[in-house]
Amino acid sequence: MGIGFIFNIRLPLRPQILPSGGIGSPLFTYLILPVMSLVIPTIGITANRMYDVVFKFRSTEIPRHSMKGLSEEILLYRHVFGRIGVVLLNSISSIFSEFLLSDFFTEVTFAIPGIGFLSWNAVVHGDYHVLEGIFLLYTVIIAISNLISDLVYGLFRPKS
């Protein structure tokens, strides 16, 4: 109830550039905020993991390899990128699990119909069979993503 309601003034309709909920006719504008809320934390977490690998490499390995006379490009391509690749392969399934967990909150926050919104309605209305089905589905999805991550890791690291 704003000032327009009190004085019976009709305010002009203004276009919503970033609508905060539901699904509307220009679908792209309604998906900007939910996609940003899903992607930005994942980028930060992944960048933090990669930075940790590079920081540990800089503090321990660079002095040892530079004493051997290796150039910075060789250190970067042969040693740093390989270690970052291993970290990214290890975190594929955890990133996917974080996406699924974030999906619950994003769908409820932005009122987007989906599995997260369905689970919220099931909690509110006490429909436990629907919740069991959703948890079973998410468990199977996470188990399959872990299996795929392990198979891909086995392809790229045959030594272990």
N, C-alpha and C. Protein backbone atom coordinates (compact mmCIF):
# COMPACT_ATOMS: atom_id res chain seq x y z
N MET A 1 0.84 -1.17 0.00
CA MET A 1 0.00 0.00 0.00
C MET A 1 0.89 1.24 0.00
N GLY A 2 0.99 1.83 -1.15
CA GLY A 2 1.82 3.02 -1.25
C GLY A 2 0.98 4.27 -1.24
N ILE A 3 1.61 5.35 -1.60
CA ILE A 3 0.93 6.63 -1.59
C ILE A 3 -0.13 6.70 -2.68
N GLY A 4 0.05 5.98 -3.76
CA GLY A 4 -0.94 5.95 -4.83
C GLY A 4 -2.25 5.35 -4.38
N PHE A 5 -2.21 4.41 -3.46
CA PHE A 5 -3.43 3.79 -2.95
C PHE A 5 -4.20 4.75 -2.05
N ILE A 6 -3.51 5.52 -1.27
CA ILE A 6 -4.16 6.43 -0.32
C ILE A 6 -4.88 7.56 -1.06
N PHE A 7 -4.23 8.16 -2.04
CA PHE A 7 -4.82 9.30 -2.74
C PHE A 7 -5.51 8.90 -4.04
N ASN A 8 -5.62 7.61 -4.31
CA ASN A 8 -6.28 7.09 -5.51
C ASN A 8 -5.64 7.67 -6.78
N ILE A 9 -4.33 7.65 -6.82
CA ILE A 9 -3.60 8.14 -7.97
C ILE A 9 -3.13 6.92 -8.76
N ARG A 10 -3.35 6.96 -10.05
CA ARG A 10 -2.88 5.87 -10.89
C ARG A 10 -1.45 6.17 -11.34
N LEU A 11 -0.53 5.29 -10.94
CA LEU A 11 0.85 5.44 -11.34
C LEU A 11 1.07 4.74 -12.67
N PRO A 12 1.91 5.31 -13.54
CA PRO A 12 2.15 4.65 -14.83
C PRO A 12 2.88 3.32 -14.63
N LEU A 13 2.56 2.37 -15.48
CA LEU A 13 3.24 1.07 -15.43
C LEU A 13 4.67 1.24 -15.91
N ARG A 14 5.59 0.71 -15.15
CA ARG A 14 6.98 0.79 -15.56
C ARG A 14 7.47 -0.62 -15.86
N PRO A 15 8.27 -0.75 -16.88
CA PRO A 15 8.75 -2.10 -17.23
C PRO A 15 9.70 -2.63 -16.15
N GLN A 16 9.60 -3.89 -15.88
CA GLN A 16 10.49 -4.52 -14.92
C GLN A 16 11.71 -5.05 -15.66
N ILE A 17 12.85 -4.47 -15.35
CA ILE A 17 14.07 -4.91 -16.02
C ILE A 17 14.53 -6.24 -15.44
N LEU A 18 14.57 -6.34 -14.13
CA LEU A 18 14.93 -7.58 -13.45
C LEU A 18 13.80 -7.97 -12.50
N PRO A 19 12.77 -8.66 -12.98
CA PRO A 19 11.69 -9.07 -12.09
C PRO A 19 12.18 -10.07 -11.06
N SER A 20 11.61 -10.00 -9.87
CA SER A 20 12.15 -10.79 -8.77
C SER A 20 11.38 -12.08 -8.49
N GLY A 21 10.43 -12.45 -9.29
CA GLY A 21 9.75 -13.70 -9.00
C GLY A 21 8.83 -14.13 -10.12
N GLY A 22 8.55 -15.42 -10.14
CA GLY A 22 7.63 -15.99 -11.12
C GLY A 22 8.27 -16.15 -12.48
N ILE A 23 7.42 -16.49 -13.43
CA ILE A 23 7.83 -16.65 -14.82
C ILE A 23 6.89 -15.82 -15.67
N GLY A 24 7.45 -15.01 -16.55
CA GLY A 24 6.66 -14.13 -17.38
C GLY A 24 6.93 -14.32 -18.85
N SER A 25 6.40 -13.38 -19.63
CA SER A 25 6.48 -13.52 -21.08
C SER A 25 7.90 -13.35 -21.64
N PRO A 26 8.67 -12.32 -21.30
CA PRO A 26 10.06 -12.38 -21.76
C PRO A 26 10.86 -13.25 -20.79
N LEU A 27 10.96 -14.53 -21.08
CA LEU A 27 11.54 -15.50 -20.16
C LEU A 27 12.96 -15.14 -19.76
N PHE A 28 13.72 -14.54 -20.66
CA PHE A 28 15.11 -14.19 -20.38
C PHE A 28 15.22 -13.26 -19.18
N THR A 29 14.35 -12.26 -19.11
CA THR A 29 14.44 -11.30 -18.01
C THR A 29 14.09 -11.93 -16.68
N TYR A 30 13.24 -12.93 -16.69
CA TYR A 30 12.86 -13.60 -15.45
C TYR A 30 13.90 -14.61 -14.98
N LEU A 31 14.83 -14.98 -15.83
CA LEU A 31 15.84 -15.97 -15.46
C LEU A 31 17.19 -15.36 -15.11
N ILE A 32 17.36 -14.05 -15.26
CA ILE A 32 18.65 -13.43 -15.00
C ILE A 32 19.05 -13.56 -13.54
N LEU A 33 18.20 -13.14 -12.62
CA LEU A 33 18.54 -13.20 -11.19
C LEU A 33 18.69 -14.63 -10.67
N PRO A 34 17.79 -15.58 -11.02
CA PRO A 34 18.02 -16.95 -10.53
C PRO A 34 19.30 -17.58 -11.04
N VAL A 35 19.63 -17.35 -12.30
CA VAL A 35 20.86 -17.93 -12.84
C VAL A 35 22.08 -17.30 -12.17
N MET A 36 22.03 -15.98 -11.93
CA MET A 36 23.14 -15.32 -11.24
C MET A 36 23.29 -15.87 -9.83
N SER A 37 22.18 -16.11 -9.13
CA SER A 37 22.28 -16.62 -7.77
C SER A 37 22.77 -18.06 -7.73
N LEU A 38 22.63 -18.80 -8.81
CA LEU A 38 23.17 -20.15 -8.86
C LEU A 38 24.63 -20.18 -9.28
N VAL A 39 25.02 -19.33 -10.21
CA VAL A 39 26.34 -19.41 -10.82
C VAL A 39 27.41 -18.68 -10.01
N ILE A 40 27.11 -17.50 -9.50
CA ILE A 40 28.14 -16.68 -8.86
C ILE A 40 28.78 -17.36 -7.64
N PRO A 41 28.02 -17.98 -6.73
CA PRO A 41 28.70 -18.67 -5.62
C PRO A 41 29.57 -19.84 -6.09
N THR A 42 29.14 -20.54 -7.12
CA THR A 42 29.91 -21.67 -7.62
C THR A 42 31.22 -21.18 -8.24
N ILE A 43 31.19 -20.06 -8.93
CA ILE A 43 32.42 -19.49 -9.50
C ILE A 43 33.38 -19.13 -8.38
N GLY A 44 32.86 -18.54 -7.30
CA GLY A 44 33.71 -18.17 -6.18
C GLY A 44 34.34 -19.37 -5.50
N ILE A 45 33.56 -20.41 -5.28
CA ILE A 45 34.07 -21.61 -4.62
C ILE A 45 35.14 -22.27 -5.48
N THR A 46 34.89 -22.37 -6.79
CA THR A 46 35.86 -23.00 -7.69
C THR A 46 37.14 -22.17 -7.78
N ALA A 47 36.99 -20.87 -7.87
CA ALA A 47 38.18 -20.00 -7.93
C ALA A 47 38.99 -20.10 -6.64
N ASN A 48 38.32 -20.23 -5.51
CA ASN A 48 39.02 -20.37 -4.24
C ASN A 48 39.80 -21.69 -4.19
N ARG A 49 39.23 -22.75 -4.70
CA ARG A 49 39.93 -24.04 -4.73
C ARG A 49 41.16 -23.96 -5.63
N MET A 50 41.01 -23.32 -6.79
CA MET A 50 42.15 -23.21 -7.71
C MET A 50 43.24 -22.30 -7.13
N TYR A 51 42.83 -21.21 -6.49
CA TYR A 51 43.80 -20.31 -5.87
C TYR A 51 44.60 -21.03 -4.78
N ASP A 52 43.93 -21.89 -4.03
CA ASP A 52 44.61 -22.64 -2.98
C ASP A 52 45.70 -23.53 -3.57
N VAL A 53 45.42 -24.16 -4.70
CA VAL A 53 46.41 -25.01 -5.35
C VAL A 53 47.59 -24.18 -5.83
N VAL A 54 47.31 -23.05 -6.47
CA VAL A 54 48.39 -22.21 -6.99
C VAL A 54 49.21 -21.62 -5.84
N PHE A 55 48.56 -21.21 -4.76
CA PHE A 55 49.28 -20.64 -3.63
C PHE A 55 50.21 -21.67 -2.99
N LYS A 56 49.73 -22.91 -2.82
CA LYS A 56 50.59 -23.95 -2.26
C LYS A 56 51.75 -24.27 -3.20
N PHE A 57 51.48 -24.25 -4.51
CA PHE A 57 52.54 -24.52 -5.48
C PHE A 57 53.60 -23.43 -5.44
N ARG A 58 53.14 -22.17 -5.37
CA ARG A 58 54.09 -21.06 -5.33
C ARG A 58 54.97 -21.10 -4.09
N SER A 59 54.39 -21.45 -2.97
CA SER A 59 55.17 -21.39 -1.73
C SER A 59 56.14 -22.56 -1.59
N THR A 60 55.86 -23.70 -2.23
CA THR A 60 56.72 -24.87 -2.03
C THR A 60 57.49 -25.29 -3.27
N GLU A 61 56.88 -25.25 -4.43
CA GLU A 61 57.48 -25.87 -5.61
C GLU A 61 58.28 -24.93 -6.48
N ILE A 62 57.90 -23.67 -6.58
CA ILE A 62 58.60 -22.77 -7.50
C ILE A 62 60.07 -22.59 -7.14
N PRO A 63 60.41 -22.38 -5.86
CA PRO A 63 61.86 -22.27 -5.58
C PRO A 63 62.64 -23.52 -5.96
N ARG A 64 62.04 -24.69 -5.76
CA ARG A 64 62.74 -25.94 -6.07
C ARG A 64 62.92 -26.10 -7.57
N HIS A 65 61.86 -25.80 -8.36
CA HIS A 65 61.96 -25.96 -9.80
C HIS A 65 62.78 -24.86 -10.45
N SER A 66 62.76 -23.65 -9.89
CA SER A 66 63.56 -22.58 -10.49
C SER A 66 65.04 -22.81 -10.27
N MET A 67 65.38 -23.54 -9.22
CA MET A 67 66.79 -23.87 -9.01
C MET A 67 67.27 -24.87 -10.06
N LYS A 68 66.35 -25.64 -10.64
CA LYS A 68 66.73 -26.57 -11.69
C LYS A 68 66.86 -25.89 -13.04
N GLY A 69 66.44 -24.62 -13.13
CA GLY A 69 66.58 -23.88 -14.37
C GLY A 69 65.36 -23.97 -15.27
N LEU A 70 64.22 -24.38 -14.76
CA LEU A 70 63.02 -24.44 -15.58
C LEU A 70 62.41 -23.05 -15.72
N SER A 71 61.88 -22.78 -16.91
CA SER A 71 61.29 -21.47 -17.15
C SER A 71 59.89 -21.40 -16.52
N GLU A 72 59.38 -20.19 -16.46
CA GLU A 72 58.07 -19.98 -15.84
C GLU A 72 56.95 -20.61 -16.68
N GLU A 73 57.08 -20.61 -18.00
CA GLU A 73 56.07 -21.22 -18.87
C GLU A 73 55.99 -22.73 -18.64
N ILE A 74 57.13 -23.37 -18.51
CA ILE A 74 57.14 -24.81 -18.26
C ILE A 74 56.50 -25.11 -16.91
N LEU A 75 56.82 -24.30 -15.91
CA LEU A 75 56.20 -24.50 -14.60
C LEU A 75 54.69 -24.34 -14.67
N LEU A 76 54.26 -23.34 -15.43
CA LEU A 76 52.84 -23.07 -15.52
C LEU A 76 52.11 -24.19 -16.25
N TYR A 77 52.59 -24.57 -17.43
CA TYR A 77 51.87 -25.54 -18.24
C TYR A 77 51.99 -26.97 -17.72
N ARG A 78 53.15 -27.37 -17.28
CA ARG A 78 53.35 -28.76 -16.88
C ARG A 78 52.90 -29.05 -15.47
N HIS A 79 53.08 -28.11 -14.56
CA HIS A 79 52.85 -28.41 -13.15
C HIS A 79 51.58 -27.77 -12.60
N VAL A 80 51.38 -26.49 -12.86
CA VAL A 80 50.24 -25.79 -12.26
C VAL A 80 48.93 -26.22 -12.91
N PHE A 81 48.87 -26.22 -14.24
CA PHE A 81 47.62 -26.58 -14.91
C PHE A 81 47.23 -28.03 -14.64
N GLY A 82 48.20 -28.89 -14.52
CA GLY A 82 47.89 -30.29 -14.19
C GLY A 82 47.27 -30.43 -12.81
N ARG A 83 47.80 -29.70 -11.86
CA ARG A 83 47.25 -29.77 -10.50
C ARG A 83 45.88 -29.12 -10.42
N ILE A 84 45.69 -28.02 -11.14
CA ILE A 84 44.36 -27.39 -11.16
C ILE A 84 43.35 -28.31 -11.83
N GLY A 85 43.75 -29.01 -12.87
CA GLY A 85 42.85 -29.96 -13.52
C GLY A 85 42.41 -31.07 -12.60
N VAL A 86 43.33 -31.56 -11.79
CA VAL A 86 42.98 -32.60 -10.83
C VAL A 86 41.99 -32.08 -9.79
N VAL A 87 42.19 -30.85 -9.33
CA VAL A 87 41.27 -30.26 -8.36
C VAL A 87 39.89 -30.07 -8.98
N LEU A 88 39.85 -29.61 -10.23
CA LEU A 88 38.55 -29.43 -10.89
C LEU A 88 37.85 -30.76 -11.13
N LEU A 89 38.59 -31.78 -11.49
CA LEU A 89 37.98 -33.10 -11.67
C LEU A 89 37.44 -33.65 -10.35
N ASN A 90 38.17 -33.41 -9.28
CA ASN A 90 37.69 -33.87 -7.97
C ASN A 90 36.46 -33.11 -7.52
N SER A 91 36.30 -31.87 -7.94
CA SER A 91 35.20 -31.07 -7.43
C SER A 91 34.00 -31.02 -8.37
N ILE A 92 34.00 -31.80 -9.45
CA ILE A 92 32.85 -31.81 -10.36
C ILE A 92 31.59 -32.25 -9.63
N SER A 93 31.67 -33.34 -8.92
CA SER A 93 30.47 -33.85 -8.25
C SER A 93 30.04 -32.95 -7.11
N SER A 94 30.99 -32.33 -6.40
CA SER A 94 30.58 -31.43 -5.32
C SER A 94 29.96 -30.16 -5.88
N ILE A 95 30.44 -29.68 -7.02
CA ILE A 95 29.83 -28.51 -7.66
C ILE A 95 28.40 -28.86 -8.09
N PHE A 96 28.21 -30.04 -8.64
CA PHE A 96 26.88 -30.46 -9.06
C PHE A 96 25.95 -30.60 -7.86
N SER A 97 26.45 -31.15 -6.76
CA SER A 97 25.65 -31.26 -5.55
C SER A 97 25.27 -29.90 -5.00
N GLU A 98 26.21 -28.95 -5.05
CA GLU A 98 25.92 -27.59 -4.60
C GLU A 98 24.87 -26.93 -5.49
N PHE A 99 24.90 -27.21 -6.79
CA PHE A 99 23.88 -26.69 -7.70
C PHE A 99 22.51 -27.23 -7.32
N LEU A 100 22.42 -28.53 -7.03
CA LEU A 100 21.13 -29.11 -6.67
C LEU A 100 20.60 -28.53 -5.37
N LEU A 101 21.47 -28.33 -4.40
CA LEU A 101 21.05 -27.75 -3.13
C LEU A 101 20.64 -26.29 -3.32
N SER A 102 21.37 -25.56 -4.11
CA SER A 102 21.03 -24.17 -4.37
C SER A 102 19.72 -24.05 -5.14
N ASP A 103 19.42 -25.07 -5.94
CA ASP A 103 18.19 -25.07 -6.72
C ASP A 103 16.96 -25.03 -5.82
N PHE A 104 17.01 -25.73 -4.69
CA PHE A 104 15.89 -25.69 -3.75
C PHE A 104 15.59 -24.25 -3.34
N PHE A 105 16.63 -23.56 -2.88
CA PHE A 105 16.44 -22.21 -2.35
C PHE A 105 16.13 -21.20 -3.44
N THR A 106 16.73 -21.37 -4.61
CA THR A 106 16.50 -20.43 -5.70
C THR A 106 15.06 -20.51 -6.20
N GLU A 107 14.54 -21.71 -6.35
CA GLU A 107 13.17 -21.85 -6.84
C GLU A 107 12.16 -21.32 -5.84
N VAL A 108 12.40 -21.53 -4.57
CA VAL A 108 11.48 -21.02 -3.56
C VAL A 108 11.58 -19.50 -3.47
N THR A 109 12.80 -18.97 -3.51
CA THR A 109 12.99 -17.52 -3.39
C THR A 109 12.37 -16.77 -4.56
N PHE A 110 12.56 -17.26 -5.78
CA PHE A 110 12.08 -16.55 -6.95
C PHE A 110 10.75 -17.09 -7.47
N ALA A 111 10.10 -17.99 -6.74
CA ALA A 111 8.78 -18.54 -7.10
C ALA A 111 8.78 -19.13 -8.50
N ILE A 112 9.78 -19.94 -8.78
CA ILE A 112 9.89 -20.62 -10.07
C ILE A 112 9.39 -22.04 -9.88
N PRO A 113 8.44 -22.47 -10.70
CA PRO A 113 7.95 -23.84 -10.55
C PRO A 113 9.01 -24.85 -10.95
N GLY A 114 9.28 -25.79 -10.07
CA GLY A 114 10.28 -26.82 -10.31
C GLY A 114 10.30 -27.78 -9.14
N ILE A 115 11.34 -28.60 -9.08
CA ILE A 115 11.42 -29.60 -8.02
C ILE A 115 11.64 -28.95 -6.66
N GLY A 116 12.42 -27.89 -6.60
CA GLY A 116 12.62 -27.18 -5.33
C GLY A 116 11.33 -26.57 -4.81
N PHE A 117 10.57 -25.95 -5.70
CA PHE A 117 9.29 -25.35 -5.31
C PHE A 117 8.30 -26.44 -4.93
N LEU A 118 8.34 -27.58 -5.64
CA LEU A 118 7.47 -28.70 -5.29
C LEU A 118 7.82 -29.25 -3.92
N SER A 119 9.09 -29.34 -3.60
CA SER A 119 9.49 -29.85 -2.28
C SER A 119 9.07 -28.87 -1.18
N TRP A 120 9.15 -27.57 -1.44
CA TRP A 120 8.69 -26.59 -0.45
C TRP A 120 7.19 -26.75 -0.19
N ASN A 121 6.41 -26.92 -1.26
CA ASN A 121 4.97 -27.12 -1.09
C ASN A 121 4.69 -28.43 -0.36
N ALA A 122 5.48 -29.45 -0.61
CA ALA A 122 5.29 -30.72 0.08
C ALA A 122 5.60 -30.59 1.56
N VAL A 123 6.61 -29.80 1.93
CA VAL A 123 6.93 -29.57 3.34
C VAL A 123 5.80 -28.79 4.01
N VAL A 124 5.32 -27.76 3.34
CA VAL A 124 4.27 -26.91 3.93
C VAL A 124 2.99 -27.70 4.13
N HIS A 125 2.64 -28.56 3.19
CA HIS A 125 1.39 -29.30 3.26
C HIS A 125 1.53 -30.68 3.88
N GLY A 126 2.72 -31.06 4.28
CA GLY A 126 2.92 -32.34 4.95
C GLY A 126 2.81 -33.55 4.05
N ASP A 127 3.15 -33.40 2.79
CA ASP A 127 3.07 -34.51 1.83
C ASP A 127 4.42 -35.22 1.81
N TYR A 128 4.57 -36.20 2.70
CA TYR A 128 5.86 -36.84 2.90
C TYR A 128 6.23 -37.81 1.78
N HIS A 129 5.25 -38.33 1.08
CA HIS A 129 5.55 -39.25 -0.02
C HIS A 129 6.22 -38.50 -1.18
N VAL A 130 5.78 -37.29 -1.42
CA VAL A 130 6.42 -36.49 -2.46
C VAL A 130 7.85 -36.16 -2.06
N LEU A 131 8.07 -35.83 -0.78
CA LEU A 131 9.42 -35.54 -0.30
C LEU A 131 10.33 -36.76 -0.42
N GLU A 132 9.81 -37.94 -0.10
CA GLU A 132 10.62 -39.15 -0.26
C GLU A 132 11.01 -39.37 -1.71
N GLY A 133 10.09 -39.13 -2.62
CA GLY A 133 10.39 -39.28 -4.04
C GLY A 133 11.44 -38.28 -4.51
N ILE A 134 11.33 -37.04 -4.04
CA ILE A 134 12.30 -36.01 -4.43
C ILE A 134 13.67 -36.33 -3.87
N PHE A 135 13.73 -36.76 -2.60
CA PHE A 135 15.03 -37.11 -2.01
C PHE A 135 15.64 -38.32 -2.70
N LEU A 136 14.81 -39.29 -3.08
CA LEU A 136 15.32 -40.45 -3.81
C LEU A 136 15.86 -40.03 -5.18
N LEU A 137 15.14 -39.15 -5.87
CA LEU A 137 15.60 -38.66 -7.17
C LEU A 137 16.93 -37.91 -7.04
N TYR A 138 17.04 -37.03 -6.05
CA TYR A 138 18.28 -36.28 -5.85
C TYR A 138 19.43 -37.19 -5.43
N THR A 139 19.14 -38.22 -4.64
CA THR A 139 20.18 -39.17 -4.25
C THR A 139 20.71 -39.93 -5.46
N VAL A 140 19.82 -40.35 -6.34
CA VAL A 140 20.24 -41.05 -7.55
C VAL A 140 21.06 -40.13 -8.45
N ILE A 141 20.62 -38.88 -8.59
CA ILE A 141 21.34 -37.92 -9.43
C ILE A 141 22.75 -37.68 -8.88
N ILE A 142 22.87 -37.50 -7.57
CA ILE A 142 24.19 -37.26 -6.98
C ILE A 142 25.07 -38.49 -7.08
N ALA A 143 24.50 -39.68 -6.89
CA ALA A 143 25.29 -40.91 -7.03
C ALA A 143 25.80 -41.08 -8.46
N ILE A 144 24.96 -40.77 -9.44
CA ILE A 144 25.39 -40.87 -10.84
C ILE A 144 26.46 -39.82 -11.14
N SER A 145 26.32 -38.61 -10.60
CA SER A 145 27.35 -37.59 -10.85
C SER A 145 28.68 -37.99 -10.19
N ASN A 146 28.64 -38.62 -9.01
CA ASN A 146 29.87 -39.11 -8.39
C ASN A 146 30.50 -40.21 -9.22
N LEU A 147 29.68 -41.10 -9.77
CA LEU A 147 30.19 -42.18 -10.62
C LEU A 147 30.85 -41.61 -11.88
N ILE A 148 30.20 -40.64 -12.51
CA ILE A 148 30.76 -40.02 -13.71
C ILE A 148 32.07 -39.31 -13.38
N SER A 149 32.08 -38.61 -12.24
CA SER A 149 33.31 -37.92 -11.83
C SER A 149 34.44 -38.91 -11.59
N ASP A 150 34.16 -40.03 -10.96
CA ASP A 150 35.19 -41.04 -10.73
C ASP A 150 35.68 -41.66 -12.03
N LEU A 151 34.77 -41.90 -12.98
CA LEU A 151 35.18 -42.47 -14.26
C LEU A 151 36.04 -41.49 -15.06
N VAL A 152 35.65 -40.22 -15.05
CA VAL A 152 36.45 -39.21 -15.76
C VAL A 152 37.80 -39.04 -15.10
N TYR A 153 37.83 -39.07 -13.77
CA TYR A 153 39.10 -38.98 -13.06
C TYR A 153 40.00 -40.16 -13.39
N GLY A 154 39.42 -41.34 -13.53
CA GLY A 154 40.20 -42.52 -13.91
C GLY A 154 40.77 -42.41 -15.32
N LEU A 155 40.05 -41.73 -16.21
CA LEU A 155 40.56 -41.54 -17.55
C LEU A 155 41.73 -40.57 -17.60
N PHE A 156 41.69 -39.54 -16.80
CA PHE A 156 42.73 -38.51 -16.84
C PHE A 156 43.90 -38.81 -15.92
N ARG A 157 43.71 -39.66 -14.92
CA ARG A 157 44.79 -40.01 -13.98
C ARG A 157 44.94 -41.53 -13.92
N PRO A 158 45.49 -42.15 -14.95
CA PRO A 158 45.60 -43.61 -14.93
C PRO A 158 46.65 -44.13 -13.95
N LYS A 159 47.49 -43.26 -13.39
CA LYS A 159 48.52 -43.72 -12.45
C LYS A 159 47.94 -44.19 -11.14
N SER A 160 46.85 -43.59 -10.69
CA SER A 160 46.31 -43.93 -9.38
C SER A 160 45.41 -45.14 -9.40
